C-alpha atoms as a PDB file:
ATOM      1  CA  UNK A   1       0.000   0.000   0.000  1.00  0.00           C
ATOM      2  CA  UNK A   2       2.841   2.346   0.850  1.00  0.00           C
ATOM      3  CA  UNK A   3       4.554   1.677  -2.478  1.00  0.00           C
ATOM      4  CA  UNK A   4       1.442   2.494  -4.496  1.00  0.00           C
ATOM      5  CA  UNK A   5       0.690   5.746  -2.713  1.00  0.00           C
ATOM      6  CA  UNK A   6       4.286   6.980  -2.923  1.00  0.00           C
ATOM      7  CA  UNK A   7       4.811   6.007  -6.563  1.00  0.00           C
ATOM      8  CA  UNK A   8       4.321   8.838  -9.056  1.00  0.00           C
ATOM      9  CA  UNK A   9       1.179   8.432 -11.144  1.00  0.00           C
ATOM     10  CA  UNK A  10       1.680   7.851 -14.840  1.00  0.00           C
ATOM     11  CA  UNK A  11      -1.336  10.038 -15.603  1.00  0.00           C
ATOM     12  CA  UNK A  12      -3.003  12.788 -13.602  1.00  0.00           C
ATOM     13  CA  UNK A  13      -6.226  11.713 -11.856  1.00  0.00           C
ATOM     14  CA  UNK A  14      -8.316  14.251 -13.756  1.00  0.00           C
ATOM     15  CA  UNK A  15      -7.130  12.869 -17.093  1.00  0.00           C
ATOM     16  CA  UNK A  16      -7.750   9.273 -16.000  1.00  0.00           C
ATOM     17  CA  UNK A  17     -11.222  10.181 -14.740  1.00  0.00           C
ATOM     18  CA  UNK A  18     -12.128  11.976 -17.984  1.00  0.00           C
ATOM     19  CA  UNK A  19     -10.732   9.123 -20.074  1.00  0.00           C
ATOM     20  CA  UNK A  20     -12.669   6.549 -18.069  1.00  0.00           C
ATOM     21  CA  UNK A  21     -15.894   8.550 -18.456  1.00  0.00           C
ATOM     22  CA  UNK A  22     -15.371   8.888 -22.210  1.00  0.00           C
ATOM     23  CA  UNK A  23     -14.637   5.173 -22.641  1.00  0.00           C
ATOM     24  CA  UNK A  24     -17.631   4.223 -20.480  1.00  0.00           C
ATOM     25  CA  UNK A  25     -19.909   6.464 -22.570  1.00  0.00           C
ATOM     26  CA  UNK A  26     -18.648   4.951 -25.852  1.00  0.00           C
ATOM     27  CA  UNK A  27     -19.091   1.393 -24.555  1.00  0.00           C
ATOM     28  CA  UNK A  28     -22.647   2.131 -23.381  1.00  0.00           C
ATOM     29  CA  UNK A  29     -23.536   3.708 -26.747  1.00  0.00           C
ATOM     30  CA  UNK A  30     -22.063   0.723 -28.629  1.00  0.00           C
ATOM     31  CA  UNK A  31     -23.971  -1.711 -26.414  1.00  0.00           C
ATOM     32  CA  UNK A  32     -27.282   0.082 -26.988  1.00  0.00           C
ATOM     33  CA  UNK A  33     -26.610   0.216 -30.749  1.00  0.00           C
ATOM     34  CA  UNK A  34     -25.771  -3.504 -31.025  1.00  0.00           C
ATOM     35  CA  UNK A  35     -28.345  -4.815 -28.552  1.00  0.00           C
ATOM     36  CA  UNK A  36     -31.333  -4.901 -30.960  1.00  0.00           C
ATOM     37  CA  UNK A  37     -29.292  -6.857 -33.530  1.00  0.00           C
ATOM     38  CA  UNK A  38     -27.976  -9.410 -31.057  1.00  0.00           C
ATOM     39  CA  UNK A  39     -31.173  -9.874 -29.067  1.00  0.00           C
ATOM     40  CA  UNK A  40     -34.126  -8.325 -30.904  1.00  0.00           C
ATOM     41  CA  UNK A  41     -37.189  -7.458 -28.878  1.00  0.00           C
ATOM     42  CA  UNK A  42     -40.485  -9.099 -29.871  1.00  0.00           C
ATOM     43  CA  UNK A  43     -42.734  -7.139 -32.212  1.00  0.00           C
ATOM     44  CA  UNK A  44     -45.326  -6.486 -29.518  1.00  0.00           C
ATOM     45  CA  UNK A  45     -42.811  -4.783 -27.190  1.00  0.00           C
ATOM     46  CA  UNK A  46     -42.345  -1.136 -28.119  1.00  0.00           C
ATOM     47  CA  UNK A  47     -39.930   0.095 -25.422  1.00  0.00           C
ATOM     48  CA  UNK A  48     -36.378   0.805 -26.494  1.00  0.00           C
ATOM     49  CA  UNK A  49     -33.533  -1.017 -24.733  1.00  0.00           C
ATOM     50  CA  UNK A  50     -32.086   0.893 -21.782  1.00  0.00           C
ATOM     51  CA  UNK A  51     -29.255   0.333 -19.352  1.00  0.00           C
ATOM     52  CA  UNK A  52     -30.963   2.103 -16.460  1.00  0.00           C
ATOM     53  CA  UNK A  53     -33.932   0.597 -14.636  1.00  0.00           C
ATOM     54  CA  UNK A  54     -37.306   2.070 -15.510  1.00  0.00           C
ATOM     55  CA  UNK A  55     -38.608   4.491 -12.854  1.00  0.00           C
ATOM     56  CA  UNK A  56     -41.587   2.231 -12.046  1.00  0.00           C
ATOM     57  CA  UNK A  57     -39.227  -0.554 -10.953  1.00  0.00           C
ATOM     58  CA  UNK A  58     -38.958   1.134  -7.532  1.00  0.00           C
ATOM     59  CA  UNK A  59     -42.670   0.745  -6.791  1.00  0.00           C
ATOM     60  CA  UNK A  60     -42.552  -2.751  -5.359  1.00  0.00           C
ATOM     61  CA  UNK A  61     -42.161  -6.108  -7.031  1.00  0.00           C
ATOM     62  CA  UNK A  62     -45.825  -6.946  -7.672  1.00  0.00           C
ATOM     63  CA  UNK A  63     -46.959  -3.599  -9.066  1.00  0.00           C
ATOM     64  CA  UNK A  64     -43.737  -3.088 -11.068  1.00  0.00           C
ATOM     65  CA  UNK A  65     -44.253  -6.504 -12.641  1.00  0.00           C
ATOM     66  CA  UNK A  66     -47.893  -5.720 -13.393  1.00  0.00           C
ATOM     67  CA  UNK A  67     -46.993  -2.393 -15.065  1.00  0.00           C
ATOM     68  CA  UNK A  68     -44.250  -4.083 -17.096  1.00  0.00           C
ATOM     69  CA  UNK A  69     -46.656  -6.820 -18.239  1.00  0.00           C
ATOM     70  CA  UNK A  70     -49.313  -4.282 -19.202  1.00  0.00           C
ATOM     71  CA  UNK A  71     -46.836  -2.105 -21.116  1.00  0.00           C
ATOM     72  CA  UNK A  72     -45.513  -5.156 -22.963  1.00  0.00           C
ATOM     73  CA  UNK A  73     -49.020  -6.251 -23.937  1.00  0.00           C
ATOM     74  CA  UNK A  74     -48.681  -9.485 -21.980  1.00  0.00           C
ATOM     75  CA  UNK A  75     -50.821  -8.707 -18.944  1.00  0.00           C
ATOM     76  CA  UNK A  76     -54.140 -10.173 -17.895  1.00  0.00           C
ATOM     77  CA  UNK A  77     -56.331  -7.943 -20.026  1.00  0.00           C
ATOM     78  CA  UNK A  78     -58.793  -9.597 -22.379  1.00  0.00           C
ATOM     79  CA  UNK A  79     -57.188  -8.257 -25.575  1.00  0.00           C
ATOM     80  CA  UNK A  80     -53.647  -9.274 -24.592  1.00  0.00           C
ATOM     81  CA  UNK A  81     -52.540 -12.455 -26.346  1.00  0.00           C
ATOM     82  CA  UNK A  82     -51.556 -15.458 -24.251  1.00  0.00           C
ATOM     83  CA  UNK A  83     -50.013 -18.804 -25.064  1.00  0.00           C
ATOM     84  CA  UNK A  84     -53.529 -20.265 -25.205  1.00  0.00           C
ATOM     85  CA  UNK A  85     -55.037 -17.533 -27.381  1.00  0.00           C
ATOM     86  CA  UNK A  86     -52.243 -15.884 -29.412  1.00  0.00           C
ATOM     87  CA  UNK A  87     -54.668 -13.760 -31.443  1.00  0.00           C
ATOM     88  CA  UNK A  88     -56.958 -12.570 -28.669  1.00  0.00           C
ATOM     89  CA  UNK A  89     -59.118  -9.594 -29.587  1.00  0.00           C
ATOM     90  CA  UNK A  90     -61.990  -9.659 -27.159  1.00  0.00           C
ATOM     91  CA  UNK A  91     -63.965  -6.677 -25.990  1.00  0.00           C
ATOM     92  CA  UNK A  92     -63.625  -5.144 -22.565  1.00  0.00           C
ATOM     93  CA  UNK A  93     -65.637  -7.203 -20.039  1.00  0.00           C
ATOM     94  CA  UNK A  94     -66.414  -4.045 -18.052  1.00  0.00           C
ATOM     95  CA  UNK A  95     -67.878  -1.811 -20.758  1.00  0.00           C
ATOM     96  CA  UNK A  96     -68.046  -3.922 -23.938  1.00  0.00           C
ATOM     97  CA  UNK A  97     -67.271  -0.840 -26.048  1.00  0.00           C
ATOM     98  CA  UNK A  98     -63.682  -1.479 -27.173  1.00  0.00           C
ATOM     99  CA  UNK A  99     -60.972  -4.108 -26.972  1.00  0.00           C
ATOM    100  CA  UNK A 100     -59.554  -4.257 -23.451  1.00  0.00           C
ATOM    101  CA  UNK A 101     -56.062  -2.932 -24.114  1.00  0.00           C
ATOM    102  CA  UNK A 102     -53.747  -1.178 -21.675  1.00  0.00           C
ATOM    103  CA  UNK A 103     -54.587   2.213 -23.197  1.00  0.00           C
ATOM    104  CA  UNK A 104     -58.342   1.599 -23.050  1.00  0.00           C
ATOM    105  CA  UNK A 105     -58.204   0.343 -19.462  1.00  0.00           C
ATOM    106  CA  UNK A 106     -56.082   3.212 -18.162  1.00  0.00           C
ATOM    107  CA  UNK A 107     -57.381   6.134 -20.239  1.00  0.00           C
ATOM    108  CA  UNK A 108     -60.905   5.580 -21.565  1.00  0.00           C
ATOM    109  CA  UNK A 109     -62.863   2.706 -19.988  1.00  0.00           C
ATOM    110  CA  UNK A 110     -65.994   4.115 -18.318  1.00  0.00           C
ATOM    111  CA  UNK A 111     -65.736   1.582 -15.481  1.00  0.00           C
ATOM    112  CA  UNK A 112     -62.637   3.297 -14.088  1.00  0.00           C
ATOM    113  CA  UNK A 113     -63.871   6.864 -14.523  1.00  0.00           C
ATOM    114  CA  UNK A 114     -64.121   7.757 -10.805  1.00  0.00           C
ATOM    115  CA  UNK A 115     -60.680   6.399  -9.890  1.00  0.00           C
ATOM    116  CA  UNK A 116     -59.192   7.913 -13.075  1.00  0.00           C
ATOM    117  CA  UNK A 117     -60.567  11.385 -12.359  1.00  0.00           C
ATOM    118  CA  UNK A 118     -59.236  11.210  -8.780  1.00  0.00           C
ATOM    119  CA  UNK A 119     -55.806   9.728  -9.486  1.00  0.00           C
ATOM    120  CA  UNK A 120     -54.859  10.195 -13.130  1.00  0.00           C
ATOM    121  CA  UNK A 121     -56.128  13.684 -13.962  1.00  0.00           C
ATOM    122  CA  UNK A 122     -53.723  15.223 -16.461  1.00  0.00           C
ATOM    123  CA  UNK A 123     -52.575  11.858 -17.871  1.00  0.00           C
ATOM    124  CA  UNK A 124     -53.542  11.811 -21.536  1.00  0.00           C
ATOM    125  CA  UNK A 125     -51.044   9.332 -22.961  1.00  0.00           C
ATOM    126  CA  UNK A 126     -49.347   6.096 -21.973  1.00  0.00           C
ATOM    127  CA  UNK A 127     -47.008   5.962 -24.978  1.00  0.00           C
ATOM    128  CA  UNK A 128     -43.345   5.192 -24.390  1.00  0.00           C
ATOM    129  CA  UNK A 129     -42.414   8.905 -24.468  1.00  0.00           C
ATOM    130  CA  UNK A 130     -45.317  10.043 -22.267  1.00  0.00           C
ATOM    131  CA  UNK A 131     -44.448  12.166 -19.213  1.00  0.00           C
ATOM    132  CA  UNK A 132     -46.091   9.507 -17.047  1.00  0.00           C
ATOM    133  CA  UNK A 133     -43.075   7.189 -17.354  1.00  0.00           C
ATOM    134  CA  UNK A 134     -40.565   9.729 -16.055  1.00  0.00           C
ATOM    135  CA  UNK A 135     -42.591  11.180 -13.164  1.00  0.00           C
ATOM    136  CA  UNK A 136     -42.459   9.216  -9.912  1.00  0.00           C
ATOM    137  CA  UNK A 137     -45.569  10.930  -8.430  1.00  0.00           C
ATOM    138  CA  UNK A 138     -47.596  10.036 -11.541  1.00  0.00           C
ATOM    139  CA  UNK A 139     -46.264   6.478 -11.466  1.00  0.00           C
ATOM    140  CA  UNK A 140     -47.327   6.117  -7.834  1.00  0.00           C
ATOM    141  CA  UNK A 141     -50.807   7.348  -8.754  1.00  0.00           C
ATOM    142  CA  UNK A 142     -50.896   4.881 -11.675  1.00  0.00           C
ATOM    143  CA  UNK A 143     -49.914   2.100  -9.271  1.00  0.00           C
ATOM    144  CA  UNK A 144     -52.735   3.125  -6.932  1.00  0.00           C
ATOM    145  CA  UNK A 145     -55.189   3.220  -9.877  1.00  0.00           C
ATOM    146  CA  UNK A 146     -54.151  -0.282 -10.980  1.00  0.00           C
ATOM    147  CA  UNK A 147     -54.552  -1.599  -7.423  1.00  0.00           C
ATOM    148  CA  UNK A 148     -57.913   0.093  -6.789  1.00  0.00           C
ATOM    149  CA  UNK A 149     -59.437  -1.000 -10.093  1.00  0.00           C
ATOM    150  CA  UNK A 150     -57.898  -4.507  -9.912  1.00  0.00           C
ATOM    151  CA  UNK A 151     -56.419  -4.060 -13.380  1.00  0.00           C
END
């Protein structure tokens, strides 16, 4: 330990730190660029690959899993395909007006109107770039909405 601390550094710390940061950034960019070619995501999954956990992953294991399933189109909604019914396109069992998709259930289904107006006022989109996915307070309200409505 004494030898290492007394030995002169080959490079100044600031240069090593900047070099490390630049190399790390280039490696991350290369990984994200090559990821879809090496391990393509299924056609139904529209989220882009990311190296950081999604903000909703801090909500608790059950609700984070439920949100991930719903976003991926593999949840327990009637219109989501399963291994038993790969081409499911059934109408919403609550209202019968549209197919029971994640967007319909969260944004437009009349059966969740009261909870939606209380918890999700101001949420108009659930697309991958929607502000909902980057706002922890909105995500907590979405989690409460999903729990209250048993989505």
